[in-house]
Protein backbone atom coordinates (compact mmCIF):
# COMPACT_ATOMS: atom_id res chain seq x y z
CA ARG A 1 84.01 213.84 74.32
CA ARG A 2 86.41 215.42 76.78
CA HIS A 3 88.42 212.83 78.58
CA THR A 4 91.75 212.76 80.35
CA ALA A 5 93.95 209.70 80.58
CA VAL A 6 97.45 209.86 82.03
CA ALA A 7 97.88 206.21 81.10
CA PRO A 8 96.83 204.49 77.88
CA THR A 9 93.20 204.31 79.01
CA ARG A 10 90.57 204.21 76.30
CA ALA A 11 88.40 207.23 75.77
CA TRP A 12 85.49 204.97 74.82
CA SER A 13 84.93 201.25 75.19
CA SER A 14 84.06 201.16 71.50
CA MET A 15 84.15 203.71 68.74
CA THR A 16 80.73 205.34 69.18
CA VAL A 17 81.95 208.66 67.76
CA ARG A 18 82.80 209.23 64.12
CA PHE A 19 85.63 211.63 63.42
CA HIS A 20 85.03 213.76 60.33
CA ARG A 21 87.93 216.27 60.44
CA TYR A 22 91.28 215.35 61.94
CA VAL A 23 94.01 217.99 62.25
CA ALA A 24 97.51 217.14 63.50
CA ILE A 25 99.59 219.99 64.95
CA GLY A 26 103.10 219.95 66.37
CA ASP A 27 106.74 219.69 65.38
CA SER A 28 108.87 217.21 63.41
CA SER A 29 107.34 214.23 65.20
CA THR A 30 103.91 215.22 63.92
CA GLU A 31 105.41 215.93 60.50
CA GLY A 32 106.59 212.31 60.42
CA MET A 33 110.38 212.40 60.66
CA ASP A 34 112.01 209.82 60.32
CA ASP A 35 109.37 207.54 58.83
CA PRO A 36 109.91 207.87 55.06
CA ASP A 37 107.07 207.30 52.64
CA ASP A 38 107.49 206.10 49.07
CA ARG A 39 107.29 209.60 47.58
CA GLY A 40 110.35 211.29 49.08
CA GLY A 41 108.50 212.63 52.13
CA TYR A 42 107.50 211.34 55.53
CA ARG A 43 104.56 209.20 56.61
CA GLY A 44 104.66 209.32 60.42
CA TRP A 45 102.29 208.38 63.23
CA ALA A 46 99.74 211.09 62.35
CA ASN A 47 99.34 209.72 58.83
CA ARG A 48 99.19 206.20 60.20
CA LEU A 49 96.48 207.17 62.68
CA ALA A 50 94.50 208.97 59.98
CA GLU A 51 94.72 205.92 57.73
CA ARG A 52 93.53 203.68 60.55
CA ILE A 53 90.52 205.86 61.33
CA ALA A 54 89.65 206.19 57.65
CA ALA A 55 89.81 202.41 57.21
CA ILE A 56 87.38 201.95 60.11
CA GLN A 57 84.97 204.65 58.98
CA SER A 58 85.56 204.44 55.22
CA SER A 59 86.21 208.20 55.12
CA LEU A 60 88.08 210.98 56.93
CA LEU A 61 89.29 214.49 56.17
CA TYR A 62 92.82 215.04 57.43
CA ALA A 63 95.31 217.94 57.62
CA ASN A 64 98.82 217.96 59.09
CA LEU A 65 100.23 221.34 60.16
CA GLY A 66 103.32 219.96 61.91
CA VAL A 67 106.63 221.63 61.00
CA ARG A 68 110.05 220.49 62.15
CA GLY A 69 111.93 222.65 64.62
CA ARG A 70 108.83 224.33 66.07
CA ARG A 71 108.65 225.05 69.78
CA THR A 72 105.38 225.06 71.70
CA ARG A 73 105.02 228.84 71.66
CA GLN A 74 105.47 228.81 67.87
CA ILE A 75 102.86 226.07 67.51
CA ARG A 76 100.44 228.19 69.54
CA GLU A 77 101.17 231.28 67.44
CA GLN A 78 101.37 229.64 64.00
CA GLN A 79 99.23 226.52 64.00
CA LEU A 80 96.39 227.01 66.47
CA GLU A 81 94.31 229.50 64.47
CA PRO A 82 94.60 227.59 61.17
CA ALA A 83 93.61 224.42 63.03
CA LEU A 84 90.59 226.08 64.63
CA ALA A 85 89.50 227.44 61.25
CA MET A 86 89.19 223.86 59.98
CA LYS A 87 86.67 223.05 62.76
CA PRO A 88 88.27 219.71 63.64
CA ASP A 89 86.56 217.12 65.80
CA LEU A 90 89.90 215.37 66.44
CA VAL A 91 93.30 216.98 67.05
CA THR A 92 96.60 215.35 67.91
CA LEU A 93 99.06 217.64 69.66
CA PHE A 94 102.62 216.69 70.52
CA SER A 95 105.27 219.26 71.37
CA GLY A 96 108.15 219.88 73.73
CA THR A 97 111.21 218.19 72.26
CA ASN A 98 112.47 221.44 70.76
CA ASP A 99 111.79 223.18 74.07
CA VAL A 100 113.85 220.83 76.25
CA VAL A 101 116.89 220.70 73.95
CA ARG A 102 117.29 224.48 74.32
CA ARG A 103 119.67 225.82 76.93
CA HIS A 104 116.85 227.47 78.86
CA PHE A 105 113.63 225.51 79.34
CA ASP A 106 110.70 227.18 81.10
CA PRO A 107 108.40 224.36 82.32
CA GLU A 108 105.69 226.73 83.53
CA GLY A 109 105.68 228.69 80.30
CA PHE A 110 105.54 225.46 78.34
CA ARG A 111 102.56 224.23 80.34
CA LYS A 112 100.67 227.49 79.88
CA ASP A 113 101.17 227.40 76.10
CA LEU A 114 100.22 223.73 75.86
CA GLU A 115 97.15 224.13 78.05
CA ALA A 116 96.02 227.21 76.11
CA ILE A 117 96.19 225.25 72.85
CA GLN A 118 94.31 222.32 74.34
CA LEU A 119 91.61 224.50 75.90
CA ALA A 120 90.98 226.45 72.71
CA LEU A 121 90.62 223.28 70.65
CA ILE A 122 88.44 221.49 73.20
CA ALA A 123 86.20 224.57 73.53
CA SER A 124 85.66 224.38 69.76
CA GLY A 125 84.36 220.82 70.13
CA ALA A 126 87.48 218.80 69.30
CA THR A 127 88.77 215.71 71.05
CA VAL A 128 92.46 216.45 71.79
CA ILE A 129 95.02 213.71 72.38
CA GLY A 130 98.79 213.78 72.93
CA PHE A 131 101.52 211.81 74.65
CA THR A 132 104.56 212.12 76.90
CA LEU A 133 108.18 211.85 75.73
CA PRO A 134 110.10 208.67 76.68
CA ASP A 135 113.41 208.89 78.52
CA LEU A 136 116.13 209.42 75.89
CA THR A 137 119.03 208.20 78.05
CA PRO A 138 118.97 204.58 76.76
CA VAL A 139 118.79 205.96 73.20
CA MET A 140 121.79 208.26 73.54
CA PRO A 141 124.14 208.56 76.52
CA LEU A 142 124.07 212.37 76.28
CA GLY A 143 120.36 212.13 76.96
CA ARG A 144 121.19 212.11 80.67
CA LEU A 145 122.03 215.81 80.33
CA ILE A 146 118.38 216.61 79.60
CA ARG A 147 116.81 213.80 81.61
CA GLY A 148 115.60 216.21 84.27
CA LYS A 149 114.14 218.52 81.64
CA VAL A 150 112.29 215.64 79.98
CA ALA A 151 110.84 214.58 83.34
CA ALA A 152 109.71 218.17 83.97
CA LEU A 153 108.26 218.34 80.46
CA ASN A 154 106.22 215.20 81.03
CA ASP A 155 104.95 216.48 84.38
CA GLN A 156 103.71 219.60 82.62
CA ILE A 157 102.09 217.61 79.80
CA ARG A 158 100.20 215.54 82.37
CA ALA A 159 99.20 218.63 84.36
CA ALA A 160 98.01 220.55 81.29
CA SER A 161 96.01 217.57 80.05
CA MET A 162 94.42 217.04 83.44
CA ALA A 163 93.41 220.70 83.62
CA SER A 164 92.12 220.96 80.06
CA GLY A 165 90.45 217.60 79.59
CA ALA A 166 92.79 216.44 76.82
CA ILE A 167 93.70 212.76 76.53
CA CYS A 168 97.31 212.07 77.53
CA VAL A 169 98.83 208.74 76.58
CA ASP A 170 101.69 208.31 79.04
CA MET A 171 104.28 206.67 76.83
CA ALA A 172 107.04 207.66 79.26
CA SER A 173 105.71 205.13 81.76
CA HIS A 174 106.49 202.22 79.42
CA PRO A 175 110.15 201.18 79.00
CA VAL A 176 109.65 200.13 75.37
CA GLY A 177 109.47 203.81 74.42
CA SER A 178 113.18 204.09 75.27
CA ASP A 179 114.22 201.07 73.21
CA PRO A 180 116.85 202.30 70.69
CA ARG A 181 115.27 200.09 68.02
CA LEU A 182 112.29 202.46 67.88
CA TRP A 183 114.49 205.47 67.12
CA SER A 184 116.17 206.68 63.96
CA GLY A 185 119.86 207.38 63.47
CA ASP A 186 119.61 210.94 64.80
CA ARG A 187 118.17 209.60 68.11
CA LEU A 188 115.66 212.44 68.33
CA HIS A 189 113.05 211.06 65.94
CA ALA A 190 111.23 207.76 65.89
CA ASN A 191 111.86 205.40 62.99
CA ALA A 192 109.10 203.59 61.08
CA LEU A 193 108.63 201.04 63.87
CA GLY A 194 108.53 203.80 66.47
CA HIS A 195 105.94 205.79 64.52
CA ALA A 196 103.83 202.64 64.17
CA ARG A 197 103.94 202.16 67.94
CA ILE A 198 102.92 205.77 68.57
CA ALA A 199 100.00 205.49 66.16
CA ALA A 200 98.90 202.28 67.90
CA ALA A 201 99.17 203.96 71.30
CA LEU A 202 96.99 206.87 70.17
CA ALA A 203 94.47 204.48 68.62
CA HIS A 204 94.32 202.68 71.96
CA GLY A 205 93.94 205.97 73.81
CA LEU A 206 91.02 206.85 71.55
CA GLY A 207 89.49 203.40 71.96
CA LEU A 208 89.45 202.63 68.25
CA PRO A 209 88.06 199.21 67.35
CA GLY A 210 90.79 196.61 67.10
CA SER A 211 93.25 198.57 69.25
CA ASP A 212 94.87 197.16 72.38
CA ASP A 213 97.89 197.67 74.63
CA SER A 214 100.28 195.62 72.49
CA TRP A 215 102.04 198.88 71.55
CA SER A 216 103.44 198.98 75.10
CA HIS A 217 104.86 195.45 75.02
CA PRO A 218 108.68 195.16 75.02
CA LEU A 219 110.64 194.07 71.96
CA PRO A 220 112.64 190.81 72.05
CA PRO A 221 115.98 191.05 73.89
CA LEU A 222 118.83 192.63 71.97
CA PRO A 223 121.63 190.30 70.84
CA ALA A 224 125.04 190.86 72.36
CA VAL A 225 127.37 193.19 70.46
CA GLY A 226 131.11 193.65 70.52
CA PHE A 227 132.86 196.17 72.73
CA LEU A 228 133.81 198.48 69.87
CA GLU A 229 130.45 198.70 68.14
CA PRO A 230 128.83 201.09 70.68
CA ILE A 231 131.89 203.36 70.40
CA ARG A 232 131.66 203.36 66.60
CA ALA A 233 127.94 204.12 66.82
CA GLU A 234 128.59 207.09 69.11
CA LEU A 235 131.22 208.48 66.74
CA ARG A 236 128.85 208.15 63.79
CA TRP A 237 126.10 209.93 65.70
CA VAL A 238 128.37 212.75 66.94
CA THR A 239 129.81 213.49 63.50
CA GLY A 240 126.67 212.84 61.47
CA HIS A 241 124.01 214.40 63.69
CA LEU A 242 125.16 216.10 66.89
CA LEU A 243 127.83 218.41 65.44
CA PRO A 244 125.64 219.60 62.53
CA TRP A 245 122.81 220.28 65.01
CA VAL A 246 125.14 222.26 67.32
CA TRP A 247 126.50 224.27 64.38
CA ARG A 248 123.02 225.07 63.10
CA HIS A 249 121.71 226.22 66.47
CA ALA A 250 124.88 228.19 67.22
CA HIS A 251 124.09 230.22 64.11
CA GLY A 252 120.45 230.72 65.09
CA ARG A 253 119.12 228.42 62.41
CA SER A 254 116.37 225.83 62.61
CA SER A 255 115.70 222.76 60.49
CA GLY A 256 112.24 224.21 59.87
CA ASP A 257 113.39 227.54 58.48
CA GLY A 258 111.49 228.31 55.29
CA ARG A 259 109.28 225.24 55.61
CA GLY A 260 105.52 224.98 55.76
CA PRO A 261 103.20 222.13 56.71
CA LYS A 262 103.14 219.07 54.49
CA ARG A 263 99.34 218.86 54.41
CA PRO A 264 98.03 222.39 55.10
CA ALA A 265 94.41 221.76 54.10
CA LEU A 266 91.85 219.10 54.90
CA ARG A 267 91.85 216.37 52.27
CA PRO A 268 90.25 212.95 52.13
CA VAL A 269 92.48 210.14 53.38
CA GLU A 270 93.19 207.44 50.82
CA VAL A 271 92.21 204.07 52.28
């Protein structure tokens, strides 16, 4: 079941493999921010993918070990062993956002950690799938400051996946991933529509029945807005999100401090 795809190529032409145990590992994206559920938590693309697989198969055990703020080295140290202990046959792994927003980003170190995680999971018999990070510049003008880091991150994700045999859905190659309408107010997390697109992309990468490439299609053109509205939006983002983030990191704090995974054990998915 090892297969590499640096584009949204299907792993199978039809779903000939049943997944029994799905474990999602990663950071806040895997946790589901900012796709609120109806219980005060987050749904997210991992939950959406689990629900889709369970609906097809009528059953699935699912755990989500993702914790906001985690860097790739922390995911390797904190989430890999618990994931392996669950003996998953499907693992989603997305990481890197918290690496590139740091002052010092080590692409080679990132690739080694990512590849080590992928290799360990694949050696245990799991199908591993992940995706690249879209360009954030259209989402927030300050994204141009880390544009080079994001490009380097994606190169390393592709390289690690090619070396390990993990499936890599290359979302960065599709402009729709950078459409601001798929992102939440903090501009670092997908909103509900964005999470739905990611789940659809992963379903397509896995070749699930009923999946297609519609996730990569562009949204309708944006209506024209007044000159002042973009300025107001930037001020709201700076005061509501950027400054609190800078203050927190300046004091060595993380949004994930004291938090654990939202679904630490395998449980049946409600269809």
